[in-house]
PDB file of N, CA and C in Angstrom:
ATOM      1  N   MET A   1     -32.880  33.498 -21.404  1.00  0.00           N
ATOM      2  CA  MET A   1     -32.316  34.556 -22.211  1.00  0.00           C
ATOM      3  C   MET A   1     -31.029  34.030 -22.870  1.00  0.00           C
ATOM      4  N   ASN A   2     -30.842  34.417 -24.089  1.00  0.00           N
ATOM      5  CA  ASN A   2     -29.659  34.023 -24.838  1.00  0.00           C
ATOM      6  C   ASN A   2     -28.416  34.582 -24.153  1.00  0.00           C
ATOM      7  N   PRO A   3     -27.439  33.748 -23.765  1.00  0.00           N
ATOM      8  CA  PRO A   3     -26.264  34.226 -23.047  1.00  0.00           C
ATOM      9  C   PRO A   3     -25.405  35.192 -23.863  1.00  0.00           C
ATOM     10  N   ILE A   4     -25.530  35.160 -25.160  1.00  0.00           N
ATOM     11  CA  ILE A   4     -24.745  36.094 -25.964  1.00  0.00           C
ATOM     12  C   ILE A   4     -25.195  37.542 -25.734  1.00  0.00           C
ATOM     13  N   TYR A   5     -26.445  37.733 -25.300  1.00  0.00           N
ATOM     14  CA  TYR A   5     -26.934  39.080 -25.002  1.00  0.00           C
ATOM     15  C   TYR A   5     -26.111  39.727 -23.897  1.00  0.00           C
ATOM     16  N   HIS A   6     -25.724  38.939 -22.915  1.00  0.00           N
ATOM     17  CA  HIS A   6     -24.905  39.470 -21.821  1.00  0.00           C
ATOM     18  C   HIS A   6     -23.524  39.880 -22.332  1.00  0.00           C
ATOM     19  N   LYS A   7     -22.967  39.076 -23.212  1.00  0.00           N
ATOM     20  CA  LYS A   7     -21.661  39.424 -23.788  1.00  0.00           C
ATOM     21  C   LYS A   7     -21.761  40.703 -24.610  1.00  0.00           C
ATOM     22  N   LEU A   8     -22.809  40.795 -25.413  1.00  0.00           N
ATOM     23  CA  LEU A   8     -23.028  41.988 -26.224  1.00  0.00           C
ATOM     24  C   LEU A   8     -23.211  43.221 -25.340  1.00  0.00           C
ATOM     25  N   ALA A   9     -24.027  43.078 -24.291  1.00  0.00           N
ATOM     26  CA  ALA A   9     -24.261  44.197 -23.379  1.00  0.00           C
ATOM     27  C   ALA A   9     -22.967  44.603 -22.668  1.00  0.00           C
ATOM     28  N   GLN A  10     -22.142  43.646 -22.317  1.00  0.00           N
ATOM     29  CA  GLN A  10     -20.866  43.954 -21.648  1.00  0.00           C
ATOM     30  C   GLN A  10     -19.936  44.720 -22.583  1.00  0.00           C
ATOM     31  N   ILE A  11     -19.884  44.305 -23.841  1.00  0.00           N
ATOM     32  CA  ILE A  11     -19.057  45.024 -24.819  1.00  0.00           C
ATOM     33  C   ILE A  11     -19.558  46.455 -24.975  1.00  0.00           C
ATOM     34  N   ALA A  12     -20.877  46.624 -25.073  1.00  0.00           N
ATOM     35  CA  ALA A  12     -21.443  47.972 -25.204  1.00  0.00           C
ATOM     36  C   ALA A  12     -21.123  48.806 -23.970  1.00  0.00           C
ATOM     37  N   TYR A  13     -21.297  48.223 -22.790  1.00  0.00           N
ATOM     38  CA  TYR A  13     -21.009  48.919 -21.537  1.00  0.00           C
ATOM     39  C   TYR A  13     -19.545  49.353 -21.482  1.00  0.00           C
ATOM     40  N   ASP A  14     -18.657  48.413 -21.729  1.00  0.00           N
ATOM     41  CA  ASP A  14     -17.216  48.717 -21.670  1.00  0.00           C
ATOM     42  C   ASP A  14     -16.835  49.784 -22.687  1.00  0.00           C
ATOM     43  N   THR A  15     -17.403  49.693 -23.877  1.00  0.00           N
ATOM     44  CA  THR A  15     -17.088  50.645 -24.938  1.00  0.00           C
ATOM     45  C   THR A  15     -17.553  52.046 -24.573  1.00  0.00           C
ATOM     46  N   VAL A  16     -18.798  52.167 -24.121  1.00  0.00           N
ATOM     47  CA  VAL A  16     -19.336  53.479 -23.763  1.00  0.00           C
ATOM     48  C   VAL A  16     -18.578  54.064 -22.577  1.00  0.00           C
ATOM     49  N   LEU A  17     -18.319  53.244 -21.575  1.00  0.00           N
ATOM     50  CA  LEU A  17     -17.595  53.736 -20.400  1.00  0.00           C
ATOM     51  C   LEU A  17     -16.213  54.251 -20.786  1.00  0.00           C
ATOM     52  N   GLN A  18     -15.465  53.490 -21.565  1.00  0.00           N
ATOM     53  CA  GLN A  18     -14.120  53.919 -21.953  1.00  0.00           C
ATOM     54  C   GLN A  18     -14.161  55.177 -22.817  1.00  0.00           C
ATOM     55  N   THR A  19     -15.125  55.259 -23.711  1.00  0.00           N
ATOM     56  CA  THR A  19     -15.248  56.444 -24.565  1.00  0.00           C
ATOM     57  C   THR A  19     -15.576  57.673 -23.731  1.00  0.00           C
ATOM     58  N   MET A  20     -16.444  57.509 -22.735  1.00  0.00           N
ATOM     59  CA  MET A  20     -16.789  58.643 -21.869  1.00  0.00           C
ATOM     60  C   MET A  20     -15.595  59.074 -21.021  1.00  0.00           C
ATOM     61  N   VAL A  21     -14.868  58.106 -20.468  1.00  0.00           N
ATOM     62  CA  VAL A  21     -13.686  58.427 -19.654  1.00  0.00           C
ATOM     63  C   VAL A  21     -12.642  59.138 -20.511  1.00  0.00           C
ATOM     64  N   ASP A  22     -12.399  58.629 -21.705  1.00  0.00           N
ATOM     65  CA  ASP A  22     -11.448  59.280 -22.609  1.00  0.00           C
ATOM     66  C   ASP A  22     -11.928  60.682 -22.984  1.00  0.00           C
ATOM     67  N   GLY A  23     -13.231  60.825 -23.177  1.00  0.00           N
ATOM     68  CA  GLY A  23     -13.794  62.116 -23.560  1.00  0.00           C
ATOM     69  C   GLY A  23     -13.670  63.180 -22.484  1.00  0.00           C
ATOM     70  N   GLU A  24     -13.632  62.745 -21.234  1.00  0.00           N
ATOM     71  CA  GLU A  24     -13.470  63.707 -20.128  1.00  0.00           C
ATOM     72  C   GLU A  24     -12.153  64.470 -20.229  1.00  0.00           C
ATOM     73  N   LYS A  25     -11.169  63.874 -20.871  1.00  0.00           N
ATOM     74  CA  LYS A  25      -9.860  64.527 -21.005  1.00  0.00           C
ATOM     75  C   LYS A  25      -9.947  65.762 -21.882  1.00  0.00           C
ATOM     76  N   THR A  26     -10.802  65.719 -22.895  1.00  0.00           N
ATOM     77  CA  THR A  26     -10.937  66.869 -23.798  1.00  0.00           C
ATOM     78  C   THR A  26     -12.220  67.652 -23.559  1.00  0.00           C
ATOM     79  N   HIS A  27     -13.172  67.055 -22.851  1.00  0.00           N
ATOM     80  CA  HIS A  27     -14.446  67.716 -22.538  1.00  0.00           C
ATOM     81  C   HIS A  27     -14.741  67.543 -21.049  1.00  0.00           C
ATOM     82  N   PRO A  28     -13.981  68.222 -20.181  1.00  0.00           N
ATOM     83  CA  PRO A  28     -14.111  67.980 -18.733  1.00  0.00           C
ATOM     84  C   PRO A  28     -15.390  68.520 -18.103  1.00  0.00           C
ATOM     85  N   ASP A  29     -16.168  69.297 -18.826  1.00  0.00           N
ATOM     86  CA  ASP A  29     -17.342  69.943 -18.232  1.00  0.00           C
ATOM     87  C   ASP A  29     -18.640  69.168 -18.415  1.00  0.00           C
ATOM     88  N   ASN A  30     -18.549  67.914 -18.873  1.00  0.00           N
ATOM     89  CA  ASN A  30     -19.765  67.133 -19.142  1.00  0.00           C
ATOM     90  C   ASN A  30     -20.741  67.887 -20.023  1.00  0.00           C
ATOM     91  N   ASP A  31     -20.207  68.601 -21.016  1.00  0.00           N
ATOM     92  CA  ASP A  31     -21.055  69.418 -21.876  1.00  0.00           C
ATOM     93  C   ASP A  31     -21.973  68.584 -22.773  1.00  0.00           C
ATOM     94  N   TRP A  32     -21.757  67.272 -22.827  1.00  0.00           N
ATOM     95  CA  TRP A  32     -22.638  66.406 -23.607  1.00  0.00           C
ATOM     96  C   TRP A  32     -24.076  66.476 -23.108  1.00  0.00           C
ATOM     97  N   GLN A  33     -24.242  66.830 -21.839  1.00  0.00           N
ATOM     98  CA  GLN A  33     -25.582  66.913 -21.259  1.00  0.00           C
ATOM     99  C   GLN A  33     -26.346  68.125 -21.776  1.00  0.00           C
ATOM    100  N   ASP A  34     -25.621  69.097 -22.314  1.00  0.00           N
ATOM    101  CA  ASP A  34     -26.245  70.321 -22.804  1.00  0.00           C
ATOM    102  C   ASP A  34     -26.453  70.318 -24.313  1.00  0.00           C
ATOM    103  N   VAL A  35     -26.102  69.216 -24.958  1.00  0.00           N
ATOM    104  CA  VAL A  35     -26.255  69.084 -26.404  1.00  0.00           C
ATOM    105  C   VAL A  35     -27.617  68.459 -26.687  1.00  0.00           C
ATOM    106  N   SER A  36     -28.310  68.973 -27.702  1.00  0.00           N
ATOM    107  CA  SER A  36     -29.638  68.441 -28.012  1.00  0.00           C
ATOM    108  C   SER A  36     -29.551  67.014 -28.548  1.00  0.00           C
ATOM    109  N   ILE A  37     -30.623  66.292 -28.384  1.00  0.00           N
ATOM    110  CA  ILE A  37     -30.685  64.923 -28.885  1.00  0.00           C
ATOM    111  C   ILE A  37     -30.453  64.903 -30.390  1.00  0.00           C
ATOM    112  N   ILE A  38     -31.028  65.858 -31.099  1.00  0.00           N
ATOM    113  CA  ILE A  38     -30.828  65.925 -32.556  1.00  0.00           C
ATOM    114  C   ILE A  38     -29.349  66.063 -32.881  1.00  0.00           C
ATOM    115  N   ASP A  39     -28.631  66.893 -32.141  1.00  0.00           N
ATOM    116  CA  ASP A  39     -27.190  67.048 -32.377  1.00  0.00           C
ATOM    117  C   ASP A  39     -26.440  65.751 -32.090  1.00  0.00           C
ATOM    118  N   HIS A  40     -26.838  65.034 -31.046  1.00  0.00           N
ATOM    119  CA  HIS A  40     -26.195  63.748 -30.754  1.00  0.00           C
ATOM    120  C   HIS A  40     -26.453  62.758 -31.897  1.00  0.00           C
ATOM    121  N   ILE A  41     -27.668  62.763 -32.437  1.00  0.00           N
ATOM    122  CA  ILE A  41     -27.989  61.895 -33.575  1.00  0.00           C
ATOM    123  C   ILE A  41     -27.107  62.246 -34.763  1.00  0.00           C
ATOM    124  N   CYS A  42     -26.957  63.533 -35.032  1.00  0.00           N
ATOM    125  CA  CYS A  42     -26.112  63.969 -36.154  1.00  0.00           C
ATOM    126  C   CYS A  42     -24.659  63.547 -35.945  1.00  0.00           C
ATOM    127  N   HIS A  43     -24.147  63.716 -34.737  1.00  0.00           N
ATOM    128  CA  HIS A  43     -22.764  63.310 -34.443  1.00  0.00           C
ATOM    129  C   HIS A  43     -22.595  61.801 -34.606  1.00  0.00           C
ATOM    130  N   ALA A  44     -23.569  61.025 -34.147  1.00  0.00           N
ATOM    131  CA  ALA A  44     -23.501  59.572 -34.324  1.00  0.00           C
ATOM    132  C   ALA A  44     -23.477  59.233 -35.809  1.00  0.00           C
ATOM    133  N   GLY A  45     -24.313  59.901 -36.577  1.00  0.00           N
ATOM    134  CA  GLY A  45     -24.351  59.679 -38.022  1.00  0.00           C
ATOM    135  C   GLY A  45     -23.036  60.006 -38.695  1.00  0.00           C
ATOM    136  N   HIS A  46     -22.400  61.095 -38.260  1.00  0.00           N
ATOM    137  CA  HIS A  46     -21.093  61.468 -38.824  1.00  0.00           C
ATOM    138  C   HIS A  46     -20.047  60.396 -38.528  1.00  0.00           C
ATOM    139  N   HIS A  47     -20.101  59.849 -37.324  1.00  0.00           N
ATOM    140  CA  HIS A  47     -19.153  58.776 -36.979  1.00  0.00           C
ATOM    141  C   HIS A  47     -19.400  57.532 -37.837  1.00  0.00           C
ATOM    142  N   ILE A  48     -20.651  57.225 -38.077  1.00  0.00           N
ATOM    143  CA  ILE A  48     -20.953  56.076 -38.944  1.00  0.00           C
ATOM    144  C   ILE A  48     -20.473  56.344 -40.363  1.00  0.00           C
ATOM    145  N   ASP A  49     -20.709  57.563 -40.855  1.00  0.00           N
ATOM    146  CA  ASP A  49     -20.209  57.929 -42.187  1.00  0.00           C
ATOM    147  C   ASP A  49     -18.689  57.804 -42.255  1.00  0.00           C
ATOM    148  N   ASP A  50     -18.013  58.295 -41.214  1.00  0.00           N
ATOM    149  CA  ASP A  50     -16.550  58.217 -41.194  1.00  0.00           C
ATOM    150  C   ASP A  50     -16.076  56.763 -41.167  1.00  0.00           C
ATOM    151  N   TYR A  51     -16.797  55.910 -40.460  1.00  0.00           N
ATOM    152  CA  TYR A  51     -16.452  54.491 -40.437  1.00  0.00           C
ATOM    153  C   TYR A  51     -16.614  53.880 -41.834  1.00  0.00           C
ATOM    154  N   ILE A  52     -17.706  54.224 -42.492  1.00  0.00           N
ATOM    155  CA  ILE A  52     -17.974  53.698 -43.833  1.00  0.00           C
ATOM    156  C   ILE A  52     -16.894  54.115 -44.817  1.00  0.00           C
ATOM    157  N   THR A  53     -16.408  55.349 -44.669  1.00  0.00           N
ATOM    158  CA  THR A  53     -15.366  55.839 -45.589  1.00  0.00           C
ATOM    159  C   THR A  53     -13.974  55.398 -45.169  1.00  0.00           C
ATOM    160  N   LYS A  54     -13.913  54.542 -44.143  1.00  0.00           N
ATOM    161  CA  LYS A  54     -12.665  53.937 -43.668  1.00  0.00           C
ATOM    162  C   LYS A  54     -11.699  54.942 -43.027  1.00  0.00           C
ATOM    163  N   ASP A  55     -12.260  56.020 -42.478  1.00  0.00           N
ATOM    164  CA  ASP A  55     -11.443  56.951 -41.707  1.00  0.00           C
ATOM    165  C   ASP A  55     -11.001  56.237 -40.427  1.00  0.00           C
ATOM    166  N   THR A  56      -9.725  56.295 -40.127  1.00  0.00           N
ATOM    167  CA  THR A  56      -9.199  55.585 -38.948  1.00  0.00           C
ATOM    168  C   THR A  56      -8.644  56.539 -37.885  1.00  0.00           C
ATOM    169  N   SER A  57      -9.074  57.779 -37.931  1.00  0.00           N
ATOM    170  CA  SER A  57      -8.543  58.757 -36.980  1.00  0.00           C
ATOM    171  C   SER A  57      -8.999  58.504 -35.547  1.00  0.00           C
ATOM    172  N   GLU A  58     -10.104  57.786 -35.385  1.00  0.00           N
ATOM    173  CA  GLU A  58     -10.587  57.403 -34.057  1.00  0.00           C
ATOM    174  C   GLU A  58     -11.540  56.224 -34.216  1.00  0.00           C
ATOM    175  N   ASP A  59     -11.964  55.662 -33.104  1.00  0.00           N
ATOM    176  CA  ASP A  59     -12.875  54.519 -33.129  1.00  0.00           C
ATOM    177  C   ASP A  59     -14.296  55.046 -33.328  1.00  0.00           C
ATOM    178  N   HIS A  60     -14.687  55.159 -34.588  1.00  0.00           N
ATOM    179  CA  HIS A  60     -15.974  55.780 -34.905  1.00  0.00           C
ATOM    180  C   HIS A  60     -17.167  54.962 -34.423  1.00  0.00           C
ATOM    181  N   ILE A  61     -17.056  53.648 -34.423  1.00  0.00           N
ATOM    182  CA  ILE A  61     -18.167  52.832 -33.927  1.00  0.00           C
ATOM    183  C   ILE A  61     -18.345  53.058 -32.425  1.00  0.00           C
ATOM    184  N   ALA A  62     -17.248  53.145 -31.687  1.00  0.00           N
ATOM    185  CA  ALA A  62     -17.334  53.420 -30.243  1.00  0.00           C
ATOM    186  C   ALA A  62     -17.987  54.774 -29.994  1.00  0.00           C
ATOM    187  N   HIS A  63     -17.632  55.760 -30.792  1.00  0.00           N
ATOM    188  CA  HIS A  63     -18.208  57.094 -30.603  1.00  0.00           C
ATOM    189  C   HIS A  63     -19.683  57.128 -30.998  1.00  0.00           C
ATOM    190  N   ALA A  64     -20.044  56.437 -32.075  1.00  0.00           N
ATOM    191  CA  ALA A  64     -21.456  56.381 -32.472  1.00  0.00           C
ATOM    192  C   ALA A  64     -22.282  55.672 -31.405  1.00  0.00           C
ATOM    193  N   LEU A  65     -21.765  54.558 -30.899  1.00  0.00           N
ATOM    194  CA  LEU A  65     -22.453  53.815 -29.845  1.00  0.00           C
ATOM    195  C   LEU A  65     -22.635  54.682 -28.600  1.00  0.00           C
ATOM    196  N   THR A  66     -21.607  55.422 -28.256  1.00  0.00           N
ATOM    197  CA  THR A  66     -21.667  56.292 -27.078  1.00  0.00           C
ATOM    198  C   THR A  66     -22.696  57.392 -27.268  1.00  0.00           C
ATOM    199  N   ARG A  67     -22.726  57.990 -28.458  1.00  0.00           N
ATOM    200  CA  ARG A  67     -23.740  59.020 -28.729  1.00  0.00           C
ATOM    201  C   ARG A  67     -25.144  58.427 -28.597  1.00  0.00           C
ATOM    202  N   CYS A  68     -25.341  57.207 -29.090  1.00  0.00           N
ATOM    203  CA  CYS A  68     -26.655  56.563 -28.970  1.00  0.00           C
ATOM    204  C   CYS A  68     -26.999  56.292 -27.505  1.00  0.00           C
ATOM    205  N   ALA A  69     -26.020  55.887 -26.718  1.00  0.00           N
ATOM    206  CA  ALA A  69     -26.252  55.668 -25.290  1.00  0.00           C
ATOM    207  C   ALA A  69     -26.611  56.987 -24.596  1.00  0.00           C
ATOM    208  N   ILE A  70     -25.944  58.051 -24.988  1.00  0.00           N
ATOM    209  CA  ILE A  70     -26.261  59.375 -24.426  1.00  0.00           C
ATOM    210  C   ILE A  70     -27.703  59.748 -24.748  1.00  0.00           C
ATOM    211  N   ILE A  71     -28.119  59.490 -25.970  1.00  0.00           N
ATOM    212  CA  ILE A  71     -29.500  59.785 -26.364  1.00  0.00           C
ATOM    213  C   ILE A  71     -30.473  59.014 -25.479  1.00  0.00           C
ATOM    214  N   LYS A  72     -30.210  57.722 -25.271  1.00  0.00           N
ATOM    215  CA  LYS A  72     -31.091  56.921 -24.416  1.00  0.00           C
ATOM    216  C   LYS A  72     -31.107  57.467 -22.988  1.00  0.00           C
ATOM    217  N   TYR A  73     -29.951  57.903 -22.497  1.00  0.00           N
ATOM    218  CA  TYR A  73     -29.876  58.495 -21.157  1.00  0.00           C
ATOM    219  C   TYR A  73     -30.735  59.757 -21.085  1.00  0.00           C
ATOM    220  N   LEU A  74     -30.581  60.639 -22.068  1.00  0.00           N
ATOM    221  CA  LEU A  74     -31.347  61.883 -22.069  1.00  0.00           C
ATOM    222  C   LEU A  74     -32.845  61.619 -22.177  1.00  0.00           C
ATOM    223  N   GLU A  75     -33.215  60.651 -23.004  1.00  0.00           N
ATOM    224  CA  GLU A  75     -34.638  60.290 -23.116  1.00  0.00           C
ATOM    225  C   GLU A  75     -35.178  59.741 -21.795  1.00  0.00           C
ATOM    226  N   ALA A  76     -34.428  58.851 -21.176  1.00  0.00           N
ATOM    227  CA  ALA A  76     -34.868  58.219 -19.933  1.00  0.00           C
ATOM    228  C   ALA A  76     -35.020  59.211 -18.802  1.00  0.00           C
ATOM    229  N   ASN A  77     -34.237  60.274 -18.861  1.00  0.00           N
ATOM    230  CA  ASN A  77     -34.266  61.272 -17.795  1.00  0.00           C
ATOM    231  C   ASN A  77     -35.026  62.524 -18.214  1.00  0.00           C
ATOM    232  N   HIS A  78     -35.715  62.427 -19.333  1.00  0.00           N
ATOM    233  CA  HIS A  78     -36.526  63.533 -19.858  1.00  0.00           C
ATOM    234  C   HIS A  78     -35.721  64.822 -19.953  1.00  0.00           C
ATOM    235  N   GLU A  79     -34.479  64.665 -20.354  1.00  0.00           N
ATOM    236  CA  GLU A  79     -33.596  65.822 -20.483  1.00  0.00           C
ATOM    237  C   GLU A  79     -33.386  66.130 -21.960  1.00  0.00           C
ATOM    238  N   ASN A  80     -33.387  67.372 -22.285  1.00  0.00           N
ATOM    239  CA  ASN A  80     -32.889  67.830 -23.578  1.00  0.00           C
ATOM    240  C   ASN A  80     -33.594  67.165 -24.760  1.00  0.00           C
ATOM    241  N   ILE A  81     -34.874  66.937 -24.658  1.00  0.00           N
ATOM    242  CA  ILE A  81     -35.597  66.269 -25.747  1.00  0.00           C
ATOM    243  C   ILE A  81     -36.031  67.273 -26.778  1.00  0.00           C
TER     244      ILE A  81
END
C-alpha cells in the first residue's frame, strides 16, 4: 500500500476529530445524529461553496470533510438514511 495513504488518512482523522470536538462546544447534544444525510450533504456543499468564494470565517474544508465523514458513519450504521 502506498505510504502516503496513511498520511492522508491521519490528516483526515485528525481534522474530523478536531472539528467534532470543537463542535461539541456549540452543539453539545450530538444533534448531528438527528440530521438527515441529505442535510449533511447540503451543509458540506455550502462549506465547499464558501471555500470557493474565499470566505475565511472558518475552516470550510475541515467542516465539509467532517460532514462527509458523518454521512459515511450514518450509512455504515444504517442511521438516518
